[in-house]
Amino acid sequence: TVYLQMNSLKPEDTAVYYCAADLTL
């Protein structure tokens, strides 16, 4: 699992959030 802790949120942070994987790095 990967987490994204988001603090001090602002209205401009409103969005759909996606996680993605890169297998080449």
PDBML (XML) file of the C-alpha atoms, coordinates in Angstrom:
<?xml version="1.0" encoding="UTF-8" ?>
<PDBx:datablock datablockName="MODEL"
   xmlns:PDBx="http://pdbml.pdb.org/schema/pdbx-v50.xsd"
   xmlns:xsi="http://www.w3.org/2001/XMLSchema-instance"
   xsi:schemaLocation="http://pdbml.pdb.org/schema/pdbx-v50.xsd pdbx-v50.xsd">
   <PDBx:atom_siteCategory>
      <PDBx:atom_site id="1">
         <PDBx:B_iso_or_equiv>0.00</PDBx:B_iso_or_equiv>
         <PDBx:Cartn_x>0.000</PDBx:Cartn_x>
         <PDBx:Cartn_y>0.000</PDBx:Cartn_y>
         <PDBx:Cartn_z>0.000</PDBx:Cartn_z>
         <PDBx:auth_asym_id>A</PDBx:auth_asym_id>
         <PDBx:auth_atom_id>CA</PDBx:auth_atom_id>
         <PDBx:auth_comp_id>THR</PDBx:auth_comp_id>
         <PDBx:auth_seq_id>1</PDBx:auth_seq_id>
         <PDBx:group_PDB>ATOM</PDBx:group_PDB>
         <PDBx:label_alt_id xsi:nil="true" />
         <PDBx:label_asym_id>A</PDBx:label_asym_id>
         <PDBx:label_atom_id>CA</PDBx:label_atom_id>
         <PDBx:label_comp_id>THR</PDBx:label_comp_id>
         <PDBx:label_entity_id>1</PDBx:label_entity_id>
         <PDBx:label_seq_id>1</PDBx:label_seq_id>
         <PDBx:occupancy>1.00</PDBx:occupancy>
         <PDBx:pdbx_PDB_model_num>1</PDBx:pdbx_PDB_model_num>
         <PDBx:type_symbol>C</PDBx:type_symbol>
      </PDBx:atom_site>
      <PDBx:atom_site id="2">
         <PDBx:B_iso_or_equiv>0.00</PDBx:B_iso_or_equiv>
         <PDBx:Cartn_x>1.017</PDBx:Cartn_x>
         <PDBx:Cartn_y>3.559</PDBx:Cartn_y>
         <PDBx:Cartn_z>-0.769</PDBx:Cartn_z>
         <PDBx:auth_asym_id>A</PDBx:auth_asym_id>
         <PDBx:auth_atom_id>CA</PDBx:auth_atom_id>
         <PDBx:auth_comp_id>VAL</PDBx:auth_comp_id>
         <PDBx:auth_seq_id>2</PDBx:auth_seq_id>
         <PDBx:group_PDB>ATOM</PDBx:group_PDB>
         <PDBx:label_alt_id xsi:nil="true" />
         <PDBx:label_asym_id>A</PDBx:label_asym_id>
         <PDBx:label_atom_id>CA</PDBx:label_atom_id>
         <PDBx:label_comp_id>VAL</PDBx:label_comp_id>
         <PDBx:label_entity_id>1</PDBx:label_entity_id>
         <PDBx:label_seq_id>2</PDBx:label_seq_id>
         <PDBx:occupancy>1.00</PDBx:occupancy>
         <PDBx:pdbx_PDB_model_num>1</PDBx:pdbx_PDB_model_num>
         <PDBx:type_symbol>C</PDBx:type_symbol>
      </PDBx:atom_site>
      <PDBx:atom_site id="3">
         <PDBx:B_iso_or_equiv>0.00</PDBx:B_iso_or_equiv>
         <PDBx:Cartn_x>-0.438</PDBx:Cartn_x>
         <PDBx:Cartn_y>6.425</PDBx:Cartn_y>
         <PDBx:Cartn_z>1.234</PDBx:Cartn_z>
         <PDBx:auth_asym_id>A</PDBx:auth_asym_id>
         <PDBx:auth_atom_id>CA</PDBx:auth_atom_id>
         <PDBx:auth_comp_id>TYR</PDBx:auth_comp_id>
         <PDBx:auth_seq_id>3</PDBx:auth_seq_id>
         <PDBx:group_PDB>ATOM</PDBx:group_PDB>
         <PDBx:label_alt_id xsi:nil="true" />
         <PDBx:label_asym_id>A</PDBx:label_asym_id>
         <PDBx:label_atom_id>CA</PDBx:label_atom_id>
         <PDBx:label_comp_id>TYR</PDBx:label_comp_id>
         <PDBx:label_entity_id>1</PDBx:label_entity_id>
         <PDBx:label_seq_id>3</PDBx:label_seq_id>
         <PDBx:occupancy>1.00</PDBx:occupancy>
         <PDBx:pdbx_PDB_model_num>1</PDBx:pdbx_PDB_model_num>
         <PDBx:type_symbol>C</PDBx:type_symbol>
      </PDBx:atom_site>
      <PDBx:atom_site id="4">
         <PDBx:B_iso_or_equiv>0.00</PDBx:B_iso_or_equiv>
         <PDBx:Cartn_x>-0.947</PDBx:Cartn_x>
         <PDBx:Cartn_y>10.105</PDBx:Cartn_y>
         <PDBx:Cartn_z>0.573</PDBx:Cartn_z>
         <PDBx:auth_asym_id>A</PDBx:auth_asym_id>
         <PDBx:auth_atom_id>CA</PDBx:auth_atom_id>
         <PDBx:auth_comp_id>LEU</PDBx:auth_comp_id>
         <PDBx:auth_seq_id>4</PDBx:auth_seq_id>
         <PDBx:group_PDB>ATOM</PDBx:group_PDB>
         <PDBx:label_alt_id xsi:nil="true" />
         <PDBx:label_asym_id>A</PDBx:label_asym_id>
         <PDBx:label_atom_id>CA</PDBx:label_atom_id>
         <PDBx:label_comp_id>LEU</PDBx:label_comp_id>
         <PDBx:label_entity_id>1</PDBx:label_entity_id>
         <PDBx:label_seq_id>4</PDBx:label_seq_id>
         <PDBx:occupancy>1.00</PDBx:occupancy>
         <PDBx:pdbx_PDB_model_num>1</PDBx:pdbx_PDB_model_num>
         <PDBx:type_symbol>C</PDBx:type_symbol>
      </PDBx:atom_site>
      <PDBx:atom_site id="5">
         <PDBx:B_iso_or_equiv>0.00</PDBx:B_iso_or_equiv>
         <PDBx:Cartn_x>-1.418</PDBx:Cartn_x>
         <PDBx:Cartn_y>12.077</PDBx:Cartn_y>
         <PDBx:Cartn_z>3.761</PDBx:Cartn_z>
         <PDBx:auth_asym_id>A</PDBx:auth_asym_id>
         <PDBx:auth_atom_id>CA</PDBx:auth_atom_id>
         <PDBx:auth_comp_id>GLN</PDBx:auth_comp_id>
         <PDBx:auth_seq_id>5</PDBx:auth_seq_id>
         <PDBx:group_PDB>ATOM</PDBx:group_PDB>
         <PDBx:label_alt_id xsi:nil="true" />
         <PDBx:label_asym_id>A</PDBx:label_asym_id>
         <PDBx:label_atom_id>CA</PDBx:label_atom_id>
         <PDBx:label_comp_id>GLN</PDBx:label_comp_id>
         <PDBx:label_entity_id>1</PDBx:label_entity_id>
         <PDBx:label_seq_id>5</PDBx:label_seq_id>
         <PDBx:occupancy>1.00</PDBx:occupancy>
         <PDBx:pdbx_PDB_model_num>1</PDBx:pdbx_PDB_model_num>
         <PDBx:type_symbol>C</PDBx:type_symbol>
      </PDBx:atom_site>
      <PDBx:atom_site id="6">
         <PDBx:B_iso_or_equiv>0.00</PDBx:B_iso_or_equiv>
         <PDBx:Cartn_x>-3.021</PDBx:Cartn_x>
         <PDBx:Cartn_y>15.412</PDBx:Cartn_y>
         <PDBx:Cartn_z>2.894</PDBx:Cartn_z>
         <PDBx:auth_asym_id>A</PDBx:auth_asym_id>
         <PDBx:auth_atom_id>CA</PDBx:auth_atom_id>
         <PDBx:auth_comp_id>MET</PDBx:auth_comp_id>
         <PDBx:auth_seq_id>6</PDBx:auth_seq_id>
         <PDBx:group_PDB>ATOM</PDBx:group_PDB>
         <PDBx:label_alt_id xsi:nil="true" />
         <PDBx:label_asym_id>A</PDBx:label_asym_id>
         <PDBx:label_atom_id>CA</PDBx:label_atom_id>
         <PDBx:label_comp_id>MET</PDBx:label_comp_id>
         <PDBx:label_entity_id>1</PDBx:label_entity_id>
         <PDBx:label_seq_id>6</PDBx:label_seq_id>
         <PDBx:occupancy>1.00</PDBx:occupancy>
         <PDBx:pdbx_PDB_model_num>1</PDBx:pdbx_PDB_model_num>
         <PDBx:type_symbol>C</PDBx:type_symbol>
      </PDBx:atom_site>
      <PDBx:atom_site id="7">
         <PDBx:B_iso_or_equiv>0.00</PDBx:B_iso_or_equiv>
         <PDBx:Cartn_x>-3.022</PDBx:Cartn_x>
         <PDBx:Cartn_y>18.180</PDBx:Cartn_y>
         <PDBx:Cartn_z>5.489</PDBx:Cartn_z>
         <PDBx:auth_asym_id>A</PDBx:auth_asym_id>
         <PDBx:auth_atom_id>CA</PDBx:auth_atom_id>
         <PDBx:auth_comp_id>ASN</PDBx:auth_comp_id>
         <PDBx:auth_seq_id>7</PDBx:auth_seq_id>
         <PDBx:group_PDB>ATOM</PDBx:group_PDB>
         <PDBx:label_alt_id xsi:nil="true" />
         <PDBx:label_asym_id>A</PDBx:label_asym_id>
         <PDBx:label_atom_id>CA</PDBx:label_atom_id>
         <PDBx:label_comp_id>ASN</PDBx:label_comp_id>
         <PDBx:label_entity_id>1</PDBx:label_entity_id>
         <PDBx:label_seq_id>7</PDBx:label_seq_id>
         <PDBx:occupancy>1.00</PDBx:occupancy>
         <PDBx:pdbx_PDB_model_num>1</PDBx:pdbx_PDB_model_num>
         <PDBx:type_symbol>C</PDBx:type_symbol>
      </PDBx:atom_site>
      <PDBx:atom_site id="8">
         <PDBx:B_iso_or_equiv>0.00</PDBx:B_iso_or_equiv>
         <PDBx:Cartn_x>-4.081</PDBx:Cartn_x>
         <PDBx:Cartn_y>21.821</PDBx:Cartn_y>
         <PDBx:Cartn_z>5.390</PDBx:Cartn_z>
         <PDBx:auth_asym_id>A</PDBx:auth_asym_id>
         <PDBx:auth_atom_id>CA</PDBx:auth_atom_id>
         <PDBx:auth_comp_id>SER</PDBx:auth_comp_id>
         <PDBx:auth_seq_id>8</PDBx:auth_seq_id>
         <PDBx:group_PDB>ATOM</PDBx:group_PDB>
         <PDBx:label_alt_id xsi:nil="true" />
         <PDBx:label_asym_id>A</PDBx:label_asym_id>
         <PDBx:label_atom_id>CA</PDBx:label_atom_id>
         <PDBx:label_comp_id>SER</PDBx:label_comp_id>
         <PDBx:label_entity_id>1</PDBx:label_entity_id>
         <PDBx:label_seq_id>8</PDBx:label_seq_id>
         <PDBx:occupancy>1.00</PDBx:occupancy>
         <PDBx:pdbx_PDB_model_num>1</PDBx:pdbx_PDB_model_num>
         <PDBx:type_symbol>C</PDBx:type_symbol>
      </PDBx:atom_site>
      <PDBx:atom_site id="9">
         <PDBx:B_iso_or_equiv>0.00</PDBx:B_iso_or_equiv>
         <PDBx:Cartn_x>-6.379</PDBx:Cartn_x>
         <PDBx:Cartn_y>21.077</PDBx:Cartn_y>
         <PDBx:Cartn_z>2.502</PDBx:Cartn_z>
         <PDBx:auth_asym_id>A</PDBx:auth_asym_id>
         <PDBx:auth_atom_id>CA</PDBx:auth_atom_id>
         <PDBx:auth_comp_id>LEU</PDBx:auth_comp_id>
         <PDBx:auth_seq_id>9</PDBx:auth_seq_id>
         <PDBx:group_PDB>ATOM</PDBx:group_PDB>
         <PDBx:label_alt_id xsi:nil="true" />
         <PDBx:label_asym_id>A</PDBx:label_asym_id>
         <PDBx:label_atom_id>CA</PDBx:label_atom_id>
         <PDBx:label_comp_id>LEU</PDBx:label_comp_id>
         <PDBx:label_entity_id>1</PDBx:label_entity_id>
         <PDBx:label_seq_id>9</PDBx:label_seq_id>
         <PDBx:occupancy>1.00</PDBx:occupancy>
         <PDBx:pdbx_PDB_model_num>1</PDBx:pdbx_PDB_model_num>
         <PDBx:type_symbol>C</PDBx:type_symbol>
      </PDBx:atom_site>
      <PDBx:atom_site id="10">
         <PDBx:B_iso_or_equiv>0.00</PDBx:B_iso_or_equiv>
         <PDBx:Cartn_x>-7.550</PDBx:Cartn_x>
         <PDBx:Cartn_y>23.906</PDBx:Cartn_y>
         <PDBx:Cartn_z>0.274</PDBx:Cartn_z>
         <PDBx:auth_asym_id>A</PDBx:auth_asym_id>
         <PDBx:auth_atom_id>CA</PDBx:auth_atom_id>
         <PDBx:auth_comp_id>LYS</PDBx:auth_comp_id>
         <PDBx:auth_seq_id>10</PDBx:auth_seq_id>
         <PDBx:group_PDB>ATOM</PDBx:group_PDB>
         <PDBx:label_alt_id xsi:nil="true" />
         <PDBx:label_asym_id>A</PDBx:label_asym_id>
         <PDBx:label_atom_id>CA</PDBx:label_atom_id>
         <PDBx:label_comp_id>LYS</PDBx:label_comp_id>
         <PDBx:label_entity_id>1</PDBx:label_entity_id>
         <PDBx:label_seq_id>10</PDBx:label_seq_id>
         <PDBx:occupancy>1.00</PDBx:occupancy>
         <PDBx:pdbx_PDB_model_num>1</PDBx:pdbx_PDB_model_num>
         <PDBx:type_symbol>C</PDBx:type_symbol>
      </PDBx:atom_site>
      <PDBx:atom_site id="11">
         <PDBx:B_iso_or_equiv>0.00</PDBx:B_iso_or_equiv>
         <PDBx:Cartn_x>-10.561</PDBx:Cartn_x>
         <PDBx:Cartn_y>24.174</PDBx:Cartn_y>
         <PDBx:Cartn_z>-2.034</PDBx:Cartn_z>
         <PDBx:auth_asym_id>A</PDBx:auth_asym_id>
         <PDBx:auth_atom_id>CA</PDBx:auth_atom_id>
         <PDBx:auth_comp_id>PRO</PDBx:auth_comp_id>
         <PDBx:auth_seq_id>11</PDBx:auth_seq_id>
         <PDBx:group_PDB>ATOM</PDBx:group_PDB>
         <PDBx:label_alt_id xsi:nil="true" />
         <PDBx:label_asym_id>A</PDBx:label_asym_id>
         <PDBx:label_atom_id>CA</PDBx:label_atom_id>
         <PDBx:label_comp_id>PRO</PDBx:label_comp_id>
         <PDBx:label_entity_id>1</PDBx:label_entity_id>
         <PDBx:label_seq_id>11</PDBx:label_seq_id>
         <PDBx:occupancy>1.00</PDBx:occupancy>
         <PDBx:pdbx_PDB_model_num>1</PDBx:pdbx_PDB_model_num>
         <PDBx:type_symbol>C</PDBx:type_symbol>
      </PDBx:atom_site>
      <PDBx:atom_site id="12">
         <PDBx:B_iso_or_equiv>0.00</PDBx:B_iso_or_equiv>
         <PDBx:Cartn_x>-8.162</PDBx:Cartn_x>
         <PDBx:Cartn_y>24.081</PDBx:Cartn_y>
         <PDBx:Cartn_z>-4.993</PDBx:Cartn_z>
         <PDBx:auth_asym_id>A</PDBx:auth_asym_id>
         <PDBx:auth_atom_id>CA</PDBx:auth_atom_id>
         <PDBx:auth_comp_id>GLU</PDBx:auth_comp_id>
         <PDBx:auth_seq_id>12</PDBx:auth_seq_id>
         <PDBx:group_PDB>ATOM</PDBx:group_PDB>
         <PDBx:label_alt_id xsi:nil="true" />
         <PDBx:label_asym_id>A</PDBx:label_asym_id>
         <PDBx:label_atom_id>CA</PDBx:label_atom_id>
         <PDBx:label_comp_id>GLU</PDBx:label_comp_id>
         <PDBx:label_entity_id>1</PDBx:label_entity_id>
         <PDBx:label_seq_id>12</PDBx:label_seq_id>
         <PDBx:occupancy>1.00</PDBx:occupancy>
         <PDBx:pdbx_PDB_model_num>1</PDBx:pdbx_PDB_model_num>
         <PDBx:type_symbol>C</PDBx:type_symbol>
      </PDBx:atom_site>
      <PDBx:atom_site id="13">
         <PDBx:B_iso_or_equiv>0.00</PDBx:B_iso_or_equiv>
         <PDBx:Cartn_x>-7.146</PDBx:Cartn_x>
         <PDBx:Cartn_y>20.560</PDBx:Cartn_y>
         <PDBx:Cartn_z>-3.937</PDBx:Cartn_z>
         <PDBx:auth_asym_id>A</PDBx:auth_asym_id>
         <PDBx:auth_atom_id>CA</PDBx:auth_atom_id>
         <PDBx:auth_comp_id>ASP</PDBx:auth_comp_id>
         <PDBx:auth_seq_id>13</PDBx:auth_seq_id>
         <PDBx:group_PDB>ATOM</PDBx:group_PDB>
         <PDBx:label_alt_id xsi:nil="true" />
         <PDBx:label_asym_id>A</PDBx:label_asym_id>
         <PDBx:label_atom_id>CA</PDBx:label_atom_id>
         <PDBx:label_comp_id>ASP</PDBx:label_comp_id>
         <PDBx:label_entity_id>1</PDBx:label_entity_id>
         <PDBx:label_seq_id>13</PDBx:label_seq_id>
         <PDBx:occupancy>1.00</PDBx:occupancy>
         <PDBx:pdbx_PDB_model_num>1</PDBx:pdbx_PDB_model_num>
         <PDBx:type_symbol>C</PDBx:type_symbol>
      </PDBx:atom_site>
      <PDBx:atom_site id="14">
         <PDBx:B_iso_or_equiv>0.00</PDBx:B_iso_or_equiv>
         <PDBx:Cartn_x>-10.590</PDBx:Cartn_x>
         <PDBx:Cartn_y>19.363</PDBx:Cartn_y>
         <PDBx:Cartn_z>-5.002</PDBx:Cartn_z>
         <PDBx:auth_asym_id>A</PDBx:auth_asym_id>
         <PDBx:auth_atom_id>CA</PDBx:auth_atom_id>
         <PDBx:auth_comp_id>THR</PDBx:auth_comp_id>
         <PDBx:auth_seq_id>14</PDBx:auth_seq_id>
         <PDBx:group_PDB>ATOM</PDBx:group_PDB>
         <PDBx:label_alt_id xsi:nil="true" />
         <PDBx:label_asym_id>A</PDBx:label_asym_id>
         <PDBx:label_atom_id>CA</PDBx:label_atom_id>
         <PDBx:label_comp_id>THR</PDBx:label_comp_id>
         <PDBx:label_entity_id>1</PDBx:label_entity_id>
         <PDBx:label_seq_id>14</PDBx:label_seq_id>
         <PDBx:occupancy>1.00</PDBx:occupancy>
         <PDBx:pdbx_PDB_model_num>1</PDBx:pdbx_PDB_model_num>
         <PDBx:type_symbol>C</PDBx:type_symbol>
      </PDBx:atom_site>
      <PDBx:atom_site id="15">
         <PDBx:B_iso_or_equiv>0.00</PDBx:B_iso_or_equiv>
         <PDBx:Cartn_x>-10.157</PDBx:Cartn_x>
         <PDBx:Cartn_y>16.715</PDBx:Cartn_y>
         <PDBx:Cartn_z>-7.682</PDBx:Cartn_z>
         <PDBx:auth_asym_id>A</PDBx:auth_asym_id>
         <PDBx:auth_atom_id>CA</PDBx:auth_atom_id>
         <PDBx:auth_comp_id>ALA</PDBx:auth_comp_id>
         <PDBx:auth_seq_id>15</PDBx:auth_seq_id>
         <PDBx:group_PDB>ATOM</PDBx:group_PDB>
         <PDBx:label_alt_id xsi:nil="true" />
         <PDBx:label_asym_id>A</PDBx:label_asym_id>
         <PDBx:label_atom_id>CA</PDBx:label_atom_id>
         <PDBx:label_comp_id>ALA</PDBx:label_comp_id>
         <PDBx:label_entity_id>1</PDBx:label_entity_id>
         <PDBx:label_seq_id>15</PDBx:label_seq_id>
         <PDBx:occupancy>1.00</PDBx:occupancy>
         <PDBx:pdbx_PDB_model_num>1</PDBx:pdbx_PDB_model_num>
         <PDBx:type_symbol>C</PDBx:type_symbol>
      </PDBx:atom_site>
      <PDBx:atom_site id="16">
         <PDBx:B_iso_or_equiv>0.00</PDBx:B_iso_or_equiv>
         <PDBx:Cartn_x>-10.264</PDBx:Cartn_x>
         <PDBx:Cartn_y>13.033</PDBx:Cartn_y>
         <PDBx:Cartn_z>-8.457</PDBx:Cartn_z>
         <PDBx:auth_asym_id>A</PDBx:auth_asym_id>
         <PDBx:auth_atom_id>CA</PDBx:auth_atom_id>
         <PDBx:auth_comp_id>VAL</PDBx:auth_comp_id>
         <PDBx:auth_seq_id>16</PDBx:auth_seq_id>
         <PDBx:group_PDB>ATOM</PDBx:group_PDB>
         <PDBx:label_alt_id xsi:nil="true" />
         <PDBx:label_asym_id>A</PDBx:label_asym_id>
         <PDBx:label_atom_id>CA</PDBx:label_atom_id>
         <PDBx:label_comp_id>VAL</PDBx:label_comp_id>
         <PDBx:label_entity_id>1</PDBx:label_entity_id>
         <PDBx:label_seq_id>16</PDBx:label_seq_id>
         <PDBx:occupancy>1.00</PDBx:occupancy>
         <PDBx:pdbx_PDB_model_num>1</PDBx:pdbx_PDB_model_num>
         <PDBx:type_symbol>C</PDBx:type_symbol>
      </PDBx:atom_site>
      <PDBx:atom_site id="17">
         <PDBx:B_iso_or_equiv>0.00</PDBx:B_iso_or_equiv>
         <PDBx:Cartn_x>-7.033</PDBx:Cartn_x>
         <PDBx:Cartn_y>11.523</PDBx:Cartn_y>
         <PDBx:Cartn_z>-7.167</PDBx:Cartn_z>
         <PDBx:auth_asym_id>A</PDBx:auth_asym_id>
         <PDBx:auth_atom_id>CA</PDBx:auth_atom_id>
         <PDBx:auth_comp_id>TYR</PDBx:auth_comp_id>
         <PDBx:auth_seq_id>17</PDBx:auth_seq_id>
         <PDBx:group_PDB>ATOM</PDBx:group_PDB>
         <PDBx:label_alt_id xsi:nil="true" />
         <PDBx:label_asym_id>A</PDBx:label_asym_id>
         <PDBx:label_atom_id>CA</PDBx:label_atom_id>
         <PDBx:label_comp_id>TYR</PDBx:label_comp_id>
         <PDBx:label_entity_id>1</PDBx:label_entity_id>
         <PDBx:label_seq_id>17</PDBx:label_seq_id>
         <PDBx:occupancy>1.00</PDBx:occupancy>
         <PDBx:pdbx_PDB_model_num>1</PDBx:pdbx_PDB_model_num>
         <PDBx:type_symbol>C</PDBx:type_symbol>
      </PDBx:atom_site>
      <PDBx:atom_site id="18">
         <PDBx:B_iso_or_equiv>0.00</PDBx:B_iso_or_equiv>
         <PDBx:Cartn_x>-5.393</PDBx:Cartn_x>
         <PDBx:Cartn_y>8.626</PDBx:Cartn_y>
         <PDBx:Cartn_z>-8.975</PDBx:Cartn_z>
         <PDBx:auth_asym_id>A</PDBx:auth_asym_id>
         <PDBx:auth_atom_id>CA</PDBx:auth_atom_id>
         <PDBx:auth_comp_id>TYR</PDBx:auth_comp_id>
         <PDBx:auth_seq_id>18</PDBx:auth_seq_id>
         <PDBx:group_PDB>ATOM</PDBx:group_PDB>
         <PDBx:label_alt_id xsi:nil="true" />
         <PDBx:label_asym_id>A</PDBx:label_asym_id>
         <PDBx:label_atom_id>CA</PDBx:label_atom_id>
         <PDBx:label_comp_id>TYR</PDBx:label_comp_id>
         <PDBx:label_entity_id>1</PDBx:label_entity_id>
         <PDBx:label_seq_id>18</PDBx:label_seq_id>
         <PDBx:occupancy>1.00</PDBx:occupancy>
         <PDBx:pdbx_PDB_model_num>1</PDBx:pdbx_PDB_model_num>
         <PDBx:type_symbol>C</PDBx:type_symbol>
      </PDBx:atom_site>
      <PDBx:atom_site id="19">
         <PDBx:B_iso_or_equiv>0.00</PDBx:B_iso_or_equiv>
         <PDBx:Cartn_x>-2.466</PDBx:Cartn_x>
         <PDBx:Cartn_y>6.422</PDBx:Cartn_y>
         <PDBx:Cartn_z>-8.087</PDBx:Cartn_z>
         <PDBx:auth_asym_id>A</PDBx:auth_asym_id>
         <PDBx:auth_atom_id>CA</PDBx:auth_atom_id>
         <PDBx:auth_comp_id>CYS</PDBx:auth_comp_id>
         <PDBx:auth_seq_id>19</PDBx:auth_seq_id>
         <PDBx:group_PDB>ATOM</PDBx:group_PDB>
         <PDBx:label_alt_id xsi:nil="true" />
         <PDBx:label_asym_id>A</PDBx:label_asym_id>
         <PDBx:label_atom_id>CA</PDBx:label_atom_id>
         <PDBx:label_comp_id>CYS</PDBx:label_comp_id>
         <PDBx:label_entity_id>1</PDBx:label_entity_id>
         <PDBx:label_seq_id>19</PDBx:label_seq_id>
         <PDBx:occupancy>1.00</PDBx:occupancy>
         <PDBx:pdbx_PDB_model_num>1</PDBx:pdbx_PDB_model_num>
         <PDBx:type_symbol>C</PDBx:type_symbol>
      </PDBx:atom_site>
      <PDBx:atom_site id="20">
         <PDBx:B_iso_or_equiv>0.00</PDBx:B_iso_or_equiv>
         <PDBx:Cartn_x>-0.297</PDBx:Cartn_x>
         <PDBx:Cartn_y>4.925</PDBx:Cartn_y>
         <PDBx:Cartn_z>-10.793</PDBx:Cartn_z>
         <PDBx:auth_asym_id>A</PDBx:auth_asym_id>
         <PDBx:auth_atom_id>CA</PDBx:auth_atom_id>
         <PDBx:auth_comp_id>ALA</PDBx:auth_comp_id>
         <PDBx:auth_seq_id>20</PDBx:auth_seq_id>
         <PDBx:group_PDB>ATOM</PDBx:group_PDB>
         <PDBx:label_alt_id xsi:nil="true" />
         <PDBx:label_asym_id>A</PDBx:label_asym_id>
         <PDBx:label_atom_id>CA</PDBx:label_atom_id>
         <PDBx:label_comp_id>ALA</PDBx:label_comp_id>
         <PDBx:label_entity_id>1</PDBx:label_entity_id>
         <PDBx:label_seq_id>20</PDBx:label_seq_id>
         <PDBx:occupancy>1.00</PDBx:occupancy>
         <PDBx:pdbx_PDB_model_num>1</PDBx:pdbx_PDB_model_num>
         <PDBx:type_symbol>C</PDBx:type_symbol>
      </PDBx:atom_site>
      <PDBx:atom_site id="21">
         <PDBx:B_iso_or_equiv>0.00</PDBx:B_iso_or_equiv>
         <PDBx:Cartn_x>2.556</PDBx:Cartn_x>
         <PDBx:Cartn_y>2.421</PDBx:Cartn_y>
         <PDBx:Cartn_z>-11.074</PDBx:Cartn_z>
         <PDBx:auth_asym_id>A</PDBx:auth_asym_id>
         <PDBx:auth_atom_id>CA</PDBx:auth_atom_id>
         <PDBx:auth_comp_id>ALA</PDBx:auth_comp_id>
         <PDBx:auth_seq_id>21</PDBx:auth_seq_id>
         <PDBx:group_PDB>ATOM</PDBx:group_PDB>
         <PDBx:label_alt_id xsi:nil="true" />
         <PDBx:label_asym_id>A</PDBx:label_asym_id>
         <PDBx:label_atom_id>CA</PDBx:label_atom_id>
         <PDBx:label_comp_id>ALA</PDBx:label_comp_id>
         <PDBx:label_entity_id>1</PDBx:label_entity_id>
         <PDBx:label_seq_id>21</PDBx:label_seq_id>
         <PDBx:occupancy>1.00</PDBx:occupancy>
         <PDBx:pdbx_PDB_model_num>1</PDBx:pdbx_PDB_model_num>
         <PDBx:type_symbol>C</PDBx:type_symbol>
      </PDBx:atom_site>
      <PDBx:atom_site id="22">
         <PDBx:B_iso_or_equiv>0.00</PDBx:B_iso_or_equiv>
         <PDBx:Cartn_x>5.753</PDBx:Cartn_x>
         <PDBx:Cartn_y>2.588</PDBx:Cartn_y>
         <PDBx:Cartn_z>-13.103</PDBx:Cartn_z>
         <PDBx:auth_asym_id>A</PDBx:auth_asym_id>
         <PDBx:auth_atom_id>CA</PDBx:auth_atom_id>
         <PDBx:auth_comp_id>ASP</PDBx:auth_comp_id>
         <PDBx:auth_seq_id>22</PDBx:auth_seq_id>
         <PDBx:group_PDB>ATOM</PDBx:group_PDB>
         <PDBx:label_alt_id xsi:nil="true" />
         <PDBx:label_asym_id>A</PDBx:label_asym_id>
         <PDBx:label_atom_id>CA</PDBx:label_atom_id>
         <PDBx:label_comp_id>ASP</PDBx:label_comp_id>
         <PDBx:label_entity_id>1</PDBx:label_entity_id>
         <PDBx:label_seq_id>22</PDBx:label_seq_id>
         <PDBx:occupancy>1.00</PDBx:occupancy>
         <PDBx:pdbx_PDB_model_num>1</PDBx:pdbx_PDB_model_num>
         <PDBx:type_symbol>C</PDBx:type_symbol>
      </PDBx:atom_site>
      <PDBx:atom_site id="23">
         <PDBx:B_iso_or_equiv>0.00</PDBx:B_iso_or_equiv>
         <PDBx:Cartn_x>7.609</PDBx:Cartn_x>
         <PDBx:Cartn_y>-0.717</PDBx:Cartn_y>
         <PDBx:Cartn_z>-13.492</PDBx:Cartn_z>
         <PDBx:auth_asym_id>A</PDBx:auth_asym_id>
         <PDBx:auth_atom_id>CA</PDBx:auth_atom_id>
         <PDBx:auth_comp_id>LEU</PDBx:auth_comp_id>
         <PDBx:auth_seq_id>23</PDBx:auth_seq_id>
         <PDBx:group_PDB>ATOM</PDBx:group_PDB>
         <PDBx:label_alt_id xsi:nil="true" />
         <PDBx:label_asym_id>A</PDBx:label_asym_id>
         <PDBx:label_atom_id>CA</PDBx:label_atom_id>
         <PDBx:label_comp_id>LEU</PDBx:label_comp_id>
         <PDBx:label_entity_id>1</PDBx:label_entity_id>
         <PDBx:label_seq_id>23</PDBx:label_seq_id>
         <PDBx:occupancy>1.00</PDBx:occupancy>
         <PDBx:pdbx_PDB_model_num>1</PDBx:pdbx_PDB_model_num>
         <PDBx:type_symbol>C</PDBx:type_symbol>
      </PDBx:atom_site>
      <PDBx:atom_site id="24">
         <PDBx:B_iso_or_equiv>0.00</PDBx:B_iso_or_equiv>
         <PDBx:Cartn_x>10.593</PDBx:Cartn_x>
         <PDBx:Cartn_y>0.577</PDBx:Cartn_y>
         <PDBx:Cartn_z>-15.448</PDBx:Cartn_z>
         <PDBx:auth_asym_id>A</PDBx:auth_asym_id>
         <PDBx:auth_atom_id>CA</PDBx:auth_atom_id>
         <PDBx:auth_comp_id>THR</PDBx:auth_comp_id>
         <PDBx:auth_seq_id>24</PDBx:auth_seq_id>
         <PDBx:group_PDB>ATOM</PDBx:group_PDB>
         <PDBx:label_alt_id xsi:nil="true" />
         <PDBx:label_asym_id>A</PDBx:label_asym_id>
         <PDBx:label_atom_id>CA</PDBx:label_atom_id>
         <PDBx:label_comp_id>THR</PDBx:label_comp_id>
         <PDBx:label_entity_id>1</PDBx:label_entity_id>
         <PDBx:label_seq_id>24</PDBx:label_seq_id>
         <PDBx:occupancy>1.00</PDBx:occupancy>
         <PDBx:pdbx_PDB_model_num>1</PDBx:pdbx_PDB_model_num>
         <PDBx:type_symbol>C</PDBx:type_symbol>
      </PDBx:atom_site>
      <PDBx:atom_site id="25">
         <PDBx:B_iso_or_equiv>0.00</PDBx:B_iso_or_equiv>
         <PDBx:Cartn_x>12.482</PDBx:Cartn_x>
         <PDBx:Cartn_y>2.701</PDBx:Cartn_y>
         <PDBx:Cartn_z>-12.938</PDBx:Cartn_z>
         <PDBx:auth_asym_id>A</PDBx:auth_asym_id>
         <PDBx:auth_atom_id>CA</PDBx:auth_atom_id>
         <PDBx:auth_comp_id>LEU</PDBx:auth_comp_id>
         <PDBx:auth_seq_id>25</PDBx:auth_seq_id>
         <PDBx:group_PDB>ATOM</PDBx:group_PDB>
         <PDBx:label_alt_id xsi:nil="true" />
         <PDBx:label_asym_id>A</PDBx:label_asym_id>
         <PDBx:label_atom_id>CA</PDBx:label_atom_id>
         <PDBx:label_comp_id>LEU</PDBx:label_comp_id>
         <PDBx:label_entity_id>1</PDBx:label_entity_id>
         <PDBx:label_seq_id>25</PDBx:label_seq_id>
         <PDBx:occupancy>1.00</PDBx:occupancy>
         <PDBx:pdbx_PDB_model_num>1</PDBx:pdbx_PDB_model_num>
         <PDBx:type_symbol>C</PDBx:type_symbol>
      </PDBx:atom_site>
   </PDBx:atom_siteCategory>
</PDBx:datablock>
